[in-house]
Amino acid sequence: GSSQLVFVDLMQTLASPLQATLGSNIVNA
């Protein structure tokens, strides 16, 4: 669930799906 929130937030601020995916995976790591 926290990865979902991070992904949505990063997509809003960065607008890069790759960066948002990497950021949300780091949260799950």
PDB file of all heavy atoms in Angstrom:
ATOM      1  N   GLY A   1       0.802  -1.217   0.000  1.00  0.00           N
ATOM      2  CA  GLY A   1       0.000   0.000   0.000  1.00  0.00           C
ATOM      3  C   GLY A   1       0.836   1.268   0.000  1.00  0.00           C
ATOM      4  O   GLY A   1       0.511   2.243  -0.672  1.00  0.00           O
ATOM      5  N   SER A   2       1.940   1.253   0.736  1.00  0.00           N
ATOM      6  CA  SER A   2       2.784   2.445   0.750  1.00  0.00           C
ATOM      7  C   SER A   2       3.420   2.675  -0.617  1.00  0.00           C
ATOM      8  O   SER A   2       3.641   3.818  -1.022  1.00  0.00           O
ATOM      9  CB  SER A   2       3.857   2.331   1.829  1.00  0.00           C
ATOM     10  OG  SER A   2       4.652   1.179   1.615  1.00  0.00           O
ATOM     11  N   SER A   3       3.703   1.614  -1.335  1.00  0.00           N
ATOM     12  CA  SER A   3       4.259   1.757  -2.682  1.00  0.00           C
ATOM     13  C   SER A   3       3.256   2.400  -3.630  1.00  0.00           C
ATOM     14  O   SER A   3       3.636   3.161  -4.518  1.00  0.00           O
ATOM     15  CB  SER A   3       4.671   0.395  -3.241  1.00  0.00           C
ATOM     16  OG  SER A   3       5.764  -0.110  -2.538  1.00  0.00           O
ATOM     17  N   GLN A   4       1.994   2.102  -3.447  1.00  0.00           N
ATOM     18  CA  GLN A   4       0.962   2.730  -4.270  1.00  0.00           C
ATOM     19  C   GLN A   4       0.938   4.240  -4.040  1.00  0.00           C
ATOM     20  O   GLN A   4       0.877   5.020  -4.987  1.00  0.00           O
ATOM     21  CB  GLN A   4      -0.410   2.148  -3.953  1.00  0.00           C
ATOM     22  CG  GLN A   4      -0.593   0.732  -4.394  1.00  0.00           C
ATOM     23  CD  GLN A   4      -1.918   0.160  -3.942  1.00  0.00           C
ATOM     24  OE1 GLN A   4      -2.510   0.623  -2.972  1.00  0.00           O
ATOM     25  NE2 GLN A   4      -2.382  -0.846  -4.640  1.00  0.00           N
ATOM     26  N   LEU A   5       0.999   4.636  -2.784  1.00  0.00           N
ATOM     27  CA  LEU A   5       0.977   6.059  -2.463  1.00  0.00           C
ATOM     28  C   LEU A   5       2.225   6.769  -2.979  1.00  0.00           C
ATOM     29  O   LEU A   5       2.143   7.878  -3.512  1.00  0.00           O
ATOM     30  CB  LEU A   5       0.837   6.259  -0.953  1.00  0.00           C
ATOM     31  CG  LEU A   5      -0.476   5.768  -0.339  1.00  0.00           C
ATOM     32  CD1 LEU A   5      -0.440   5.932   1.175  1.00  0.00           C
ATOM     33  CD2 LEU A   5      -1.653   6.488  -0.922  1.00  0.00           C
ATOM     34  N   VAL A   6       3.377   6.115  -2.851  1.00  0.00           N
ATOM     35  CA  VAL A   6       4.616   6.708  -3.350  1.00  0.00           C
ATOM     36  C   VAL A   6       4.565   6.830  -4.865  1.00  0.00           C
ATOM     37  O   VAL A   6       4.969   7.842  -5.435  1.00  0.00           O
ATOM     38  CB  VAL A   6       5.837   5.869  -2.897  1.00  0.00           C
ATOM     39  CG1 VAL A   6       7.092   6.257  -3.643  1.00  0.00           C
ATOM     40  CG2 VAL A   6       6.035   6.002  -1.407  1.00  0.00           C
ATOM     41  N   PHE A   7       4.051   5.805  -5.541  1.00  0.00           N
ATOM     42  CA  PHE A   7       3.962   5.848  -7.005  1.00  0.00           C
ATOM     43  C   PHE A   7       3.084   7.001  -7.466  1.00  0.00           C
ATOM     44  O   PHE A   7       3.458   7.762  -8.364  1.00  0.00           O
ATOM     45  CB  PHE A   7       3.417   4.522  -7.537  1.00  0.00           C
ATOM     46  CG  PHE A   7       3.351   4.465  -9.036  1.00  0.00           C
ATOM     47  CD1 PHE A   7       4.479   4.154  -9.775  1.00  0.00           C
ATOM     48  CD2 PHE A   7       2.168   4.729  -9.706  1.00  0.00           C
ATOM     49  CE1 PHE A   7       4.428   4.109 -11.153  1.00  0.00           C
ATOM     50  CE2 PHE A   7       2.109   4.690 -11.082  1.00  0.00           C
ATOM     51  CZ  PHE A   7       3.243   4.380 -11.811  1.00  0.00           C
ATOM     52  N   VAL A   8       1.938   7.162  -6.837  1.00  0.00           N
ATOM     53  CA  VAL A   8       1.027   8.247  -7.221  1.00  0.00           C
ATOM     54  C   VAL A   8       1.679   9.605  -6.957  1.00  0.00           C
ATOM     55  O   VAL A   8       1.619  10.506  -7.800  1.00  0.00           O
ATOM     56  CB  VAL A   8      -0.318   8.123  -6.468  1.00  0.00           C
ATOM     57  CG1 VAL A   8      -1.158   9.362  -6.644  1.00  0.00           C
ATOM     58  CG2 VAL A   8      -1.075   6.899  -6.953  1.00  0.00           C
ATOM     59  N   ASP A   9       2.327   9.743  -5.812  1.00  0.00           N
ATOM     60  CA  ASP A   9       2.975  11.019  -5.490  1.00  0.00           C
ATOM     61  C   ASP A   9       4.114  11.327  -6.456  1.00  0.00           C
ATOM     62  O   ASP A   9       4.250  12.455  -6.929  1.00  0.00           O
ATOM     63  CB  ASP A   9       3.492  10.987  -4.053  1.00  0.00           C
ATOM     64  CG  ASP A   9       4.057  12.321  -3.620  1.00  0.00           C
ATOM     65  OD1 ASP A   9       3.392  13.347  -3.880  1.00  0.00           O
ATOM     66  OD2 ASP A   9       5.153  12.330  -3.040  1.00  0.00           O
ATOM     67  N   LEU A  10       4.936  10.332  -6.765  1.00  0.00           N
ATOM     68  CA  LEU A  10       6.049  10.559  -7.686  1.00  0.00           C
ATOM     69  C   LEU A  10       5.558  10.826  -9.110  1.00  0.00           C
ATOM     70  O   LEU A  10       6.163  11.610  -9.840  1.00  0.00           O
ATOM     71  CB  LEU A  10       7.013   9.380  -7.662  1.00  0.00           C
ATOM     72  CG  LEU A  10       7.849   9.231  -6.395  1.00  0.00           C
ATOM     73  CD1 LEU A  10       8.720   7.988  -6.459  1.00  0.00           C
ATOM     74  CD2 LEU A  10       8.690  10.465  -6.161  1.00  0.00           C
ATOM     75  N   MET A  11       4.494  10.196  -9.521  1.00  0.00           N
ATOM     76  CA  MET A  11       3.946  10.467 -10.854  1.00  0.00           C
ATOM     77  C   MET A  11       3.420  11.898 -10.927  1.00  0.00           C
ATOM     78  O   MET A  11       3.490  12.538 -11.964  1.00  0.00           O
ATOM     79  CB  MET A  11       2.832   9.485 -11.212  1.00  0.00           C
ATOM     80  CG  MET A  11       3.330   8.140 -11.675  1.00  0.00           C
ATOM     81  SD  MET A  11       4.317   8.211 -13.177  1.00  0.00           S
ATOM     82  CE  MET A  11       3.097   8.715 -14.365  1.00  0.00           C
ATOM     83  N   GLN A  12       2.918  12.396  -9.817  1.00  0.00           N
ATOM     84  CA  GLN A  12       2.401  13.764  -9.788  1.00  0.00           C
ATOM     85  C   GLN A  12       3.544  14.771  -9.856  1.00  0.00           C
ATOM     86  O   GLN A  12       3.454  15.773 -10.553  1.00  0.00           O
ATOM     87  CB  GLN A  12       1.581  13.995  -8.525  1.00  0.00           C
ATOM     88  CG  GLN A  12       1.016  15.388  -8.412  1.00  0.00           C
ATOM     89  CD  GLN A  12       0.295  15.610  -7.095  1.00  0.00           C
ATOM     90  OE1 GLN A  12       0.406  14.822  -6.173  1.00  0.00           O
ATOM     91  NE2 GLN A  12      -0.452  16.681  -7.013  1.00  0.00           N
ATOM     92  N   THR A  13       4.642  14.486  -9.163  1.00  0.00           N
ATOM     93  CA  THR A  13       5.721  15.466  -9.097  1.00  0.00           C
ATOM     94  C   THR A  13       6.769  15.284 -10.192  1.00  0.00           C
ATOM     95  O   THR A  13       7.278  16.266 -10.722  1.00  0.00           O
ATOM     96  CB  THR A  13       6.425  15.402  -7.724  1.00  0.00           C
ATOM     97  OG1 THR A  13       6.901  14.069  -7.510  1.00  0.00           O
ATOM     98  CG2 THR A  13       5.477  15.799  -6.625  1.00  0.00           C
ATOM     99  N   LEU A  14       7.093  14.039 -10.551  1.00  0.00           N
ATOM    100  CA  LEU A  14       8.164  13.788 -11.511  1.00  0.00           C
ATOM    101  C   LEU A  14       7.666  13.606 -12.943  1.00  0.00           C
ATOM    102  O   LEU A  14       8.386  13.888 -13.882  1.00  0.00           O
ATOM    103  CB  LEU A  14       8.967  12.543 -11.112  1.00  0.00           C
ATOM    104  CG  LEU A  14       9.679  12.604  -9.765  1.00  0.00           C
ATOM    105  CD1 LEU A  14      10.301  11.260  -9.446  1.00  0.00           C
ATOM    106  CD2 LEU A  14      10.739  13.682  -9.785  1.00  0.00           C
ATOM    107  N   ALA A  15       6.482  13.070 -13.101  1.00  0.00           N
ATOM    108  CA  ALA A  15       5.885  12.792 -14.407  1.00  0.00           C
ATOM    109  C   ALA A  15       6.723  11.818 -15.225  1.00  0.00           C
ATOM    110  O   ALA A  15       6.704  11.854 -16.441  1.00  0.00           O
ATOM    111  CB  ALA A  15       5.623  14.074 -15.184  1.00  0.00           C
ATOM    112  N   SER A  16       7.483  10.945 -14.571  1.00  0.00           N
ATOM    113  CA  SER A  16       8.256   9.927 -15.262  1.00  0.00           C
ATOM    114  C   SER A  16       7.874   8.558 -14.704  1.00  0.00           C
ATOM    115  O   SER A  16       8.164   8.268 -13.533  1.00  0.00           O
ATOM    116  CB  SER A  16       9.752  10.160 -15.057  1.00  0.00           C
ATOM    117  OG  SER A  16      10.486   9.053 -15.516  1.00  0.00           O
ATOM    118  N   PRO A  17       7.229   7.717 -15.490  1.00  0.00           N
ATOM    119  CA  PRO A  17       6.837   6.396 -14.986  1.00  0.00           C
ATOM    120  C   PRO A  17       8.017   5.548 -14.511  1.00  0.00           C
ATOM    121  O   PRO A  17       7.892   4.811 -13.541  1.00  0.00           O
ATOM    122  CB  PRO A  17       6.146   5.746 -16.175  1.00  0.00           C
ATOM    123  CG  PRO A  17       5.731   6.870 -17.051  1.00  0.00           C
ATOM    124  CD  PRO A  17       6.740   7.944 -16.842  1.00  0.00           C
ATOM    125  N   LEU A  18       9.153   5.674 -15.181  1.00  0.00           N
ATOM    126  CA  LEU A  18      10.315   4.888 -14.773  1.00  0.00           C
ATOM    127  C   LEU A  18      10.810   5.320 -13.391  1.00  0.00           C
ATOM    128  O   LEU A  18      11.065   4.477 -12.524  1.00  0.00           O
ATOM    129  CB  LEU A  18      11.449   5.039 -15.792  1.00  0.00           C
ATOM    130  CG  LEU A  18      12.734   4.291 -15.460  1.00  0.00           C
ATOM    131  CD1 LEU A  18      12.467   2.793 -15.387  1.00  0.00           C
ATOM    132  CD2 LEU A  18      13.799   4.603 -16.475  1.00  0.00           C
ATOM    133  N   GLN A  19      10.921   6.614 -13.157  1.00  0.00           N
ATOM    134  CA  GLN A  19      11.357   7.101 -11.849  1.00  0.00           C
ATOM    135  C   GLN A  19      10.348   6.758 -10.757  1.00  0.00           C
ATOM    136  O   GLN A  19      10.728   6.403  -9.639  1.00  0.00           O
ATOM    137  CB  GLN A  19      11.582   8.603 -11.883  1.00  0.00           C
ATOM    138  CG  GLN A  19      12.793   9.021 -12.679  1.00  0.00           C
ATOM    139  CD  GLN A  19      12.913  10.527 -12.777  1.00  0.00           C
ATOM    140  OE1 GLN A  19      11.911  11.238 -12.759  1.00  0.00           O
ATOM    141  NE2 GLN A  19      14.141  11.019 -12.882  1.00  0.00           N
ATOM    142  N   ALA A  20       9.072   6.864 -11.082  1.00  0.00           N
ATOM    143  CA  ALA A  20       8.041   6.525 -10.100  1.00  0.00           C
ATOM    144  C   ALA A  20       8.072   5.035  -9.767  1.00  0.00           C
ATOM    145  O   ALA A  20       7.915   4.646  -8.604  1.00  0.00           O
ATOM    146  CB  ALA A  20       6.669   6.925 -10.627  1.00  0.00           C
ATOM    147  N   THR A  21       8.296   4.200 -10.768  1.00  0.00           N
ATOM    148  CA  THR A  21       8.381   2.762 -10.532  1.00  0.00           C
ATOM    149  C   THR A  21       9.599   2.429  -9.682  1.00  0.00           C
ATOM    150  O   THR A  21       9.505   1.633  -8.744  1.00  0.00           O
ATOM    151  CB  THR A  21       8.444   2.001 -11.871  1.00  0.00           C
ATOM    152  OG1 THR A  21       7.287   2.323 -12.635  1.00  0.00           O
ATOM    153  CG2 THR A  21       8.492   0.510 -11.656  1.00  0.00           C
ATOM    154  N   LEU A  22      10.740   3.023 -10.012  1.00  0.00           N
ATOM    155  CA  LEU A  22      11.943   2.772  -9.213  1.00  0.00           C
ATOM    156  C   LEU A  22      11.770   3.264  -7.779  1.00  0.00           C
ATOM    157  O   LEU A  22      12.168   2.578  -6.835  1.00  0.00           O
ATOM    158  CB  LEU A  22      13.149   3.448  -9.868  1.00  0.00           C
ATOM    159  CG  LEU A  22      13.644   2.831 -11.167  1.00  0.00           C
ATOM    160  CD1 LEU A  22      14.743   3.694 -11.778  1.00  0.00           C
ATOM    161  CD2 LEU A  22      14.120   1.416 -10.947  1.00  0.00           C
ATOM    162  N   GLY A  23      11.187   4.426  -7.616  1.00  0.00           N
ATOM    163  CA  GLY A  23      10.972   4.956  -6.272  1.00  0.00           C
ATOM    164  C   GLY A  23      10.042   4.098  -5.436  1.00  0.00           C
ATOM    165  O   GLY A  23      10.293   3.859  -4.256  1.00  0.00           O
ATOM    166  N   SER A  24       8.973   3.611  -6.047  1.00  0.00           N
ATOM    167  CA  SER A  24       8.056   2.761  -5.289  1.00  0.00           C
ATOM    168  C   SER A  24       8.666   1.394  -4.994  1.00  0.00           C
ATOM    169  O   SER A  24       8.364   0.793  -3.973  1.00  0.00           O
ATOM    170  CB  SER A  24       6.728   2.615  -6.027  1.00  0.00           C
ATOM    171  OG  SER A  24       6.918   1.961  -7.259  1.00  0.00           O
ATOM    172  N   ASN A  25       9.557   0.919  -5.853  1.00  0.00           N
ATOM    173  CA  ASN A  25      10.249  -0.349  -5.570  1.00  0.00           C
ATOM    174  C   ASN A  25      11.268  -0.198  -4.445  1.00  0.00           C
ATOM    175  O   ASN A  25      11.496  -1.121  -3.694  1.00  0.00           O
ATOM    176  CB  ASN A  25      10.934  -0.888  -6.828  1.00  0.00           C
ATOM    177  CG  ASN A  25       9.942  -1.532  -7.767  1.00  0.00           C
ATOM    178  OD1 ASN A  25       8.938  -2.063  -7.339  1.00  0.00           O
ATOM    179  ND2 ASN A  25      10.240  -1.471  -9.047  1.00  0.00           N
ATOM    180  N   ILE A  26      11.868   0.979  -4.349  1.00  0.00           N
ATOM    181  CA  ILE A  26      12.798   1.218  -3.242  1.00  0.00           C
ATOM    182  C   ILE A  26      12.053   1.177  -1.910  1.00  0.00           C
ATOM    183  O   ILE A  26      12.560   0.665  -0.911  1.00  0.00           O
ATOM    184  CB  ILE A  26      13.540   2.564  -3.446  1.00  0.00           C
ATOM    185  CG1 ILE A  26      14.528   2.415  -4.585  1.00  0.00           C
ATOM    186  CG2 ILE A  26      14.219   3.011  -2.161  1.00  0.00           C
ATOM    187  CD1 ILE A  26      15.166   3.699  -5.013  1.00  0.00           C
ATOM    188  N   VAL A  27      10.841   1.687  -1.893  1.00  0.00           N
ATOM    189  CA  VAL A  27      10.031   1.632  -0.663  1.00  0.00           C
ATOM    190  C   VAL A  27       9.755   0.175  -0.288  1.00  0.00           C
ATOM    191  O   VAL A  27       9.797  -0.191   0.886  1.00  0.00           O
ATOM    192  CB  VAL A  27       8.711   2.407  -0.846  1.00  0.00           C
ATOM    193  CG1 VAL A  27       7.758   2.142   0.288  1.00  0.00           C
ATOM    194  CG2 VAL A  27       8.983   3.879  -0.982  1.00  0.00           C
ATOM    195  N   ASN A  28       9.524  -0.675  -1.249  1.00  0.00           N
ATOM    196  CA  ASN A  28       9.253  -2.089  -0.984  1.00  0.00           C
ATOM    197  C   ASN A  28      10.512  -2.879  -0.667  1.00  0.00           C
ATOM    198  O   ASN A  28      10.419  -4.003  -0.187  1.00  0.00           O
ATOM    199  CB  ASN A  28       8.542  -2.744  -2.164  1.00  0.00           C
ATOM    200  CG  ASN A  28       7.051  -2.801  -1.939  1.00  0.00           C
ATOM    201  OD1 ASN A  28       6.564  -2.618  -0.846  1.00  0.00           O
ATOM    202  ND2 ASN A  28       6.334  -3.058  -3.001  1.00  0.00           N
ATOM    203  N   ALA A  29      11.685  -2.331  -0.928  1.00  0.00           N
ATOM    204  CA  ALA A  29      12.925  -3.047  -0.690  1.00  0.00           C
ATOM    205  C   ALA A  29      13.255  -3.169   0.804  1.00  0.00           C
ATOM    206  O   ALA A  29      14.152  -3.910   1.171  1.00  0.00           O
ATOM    207  CB  ALA A  29      14.086  -2.364  -1.404  1.00  0.00           C
TER     208      ALA A  29
END
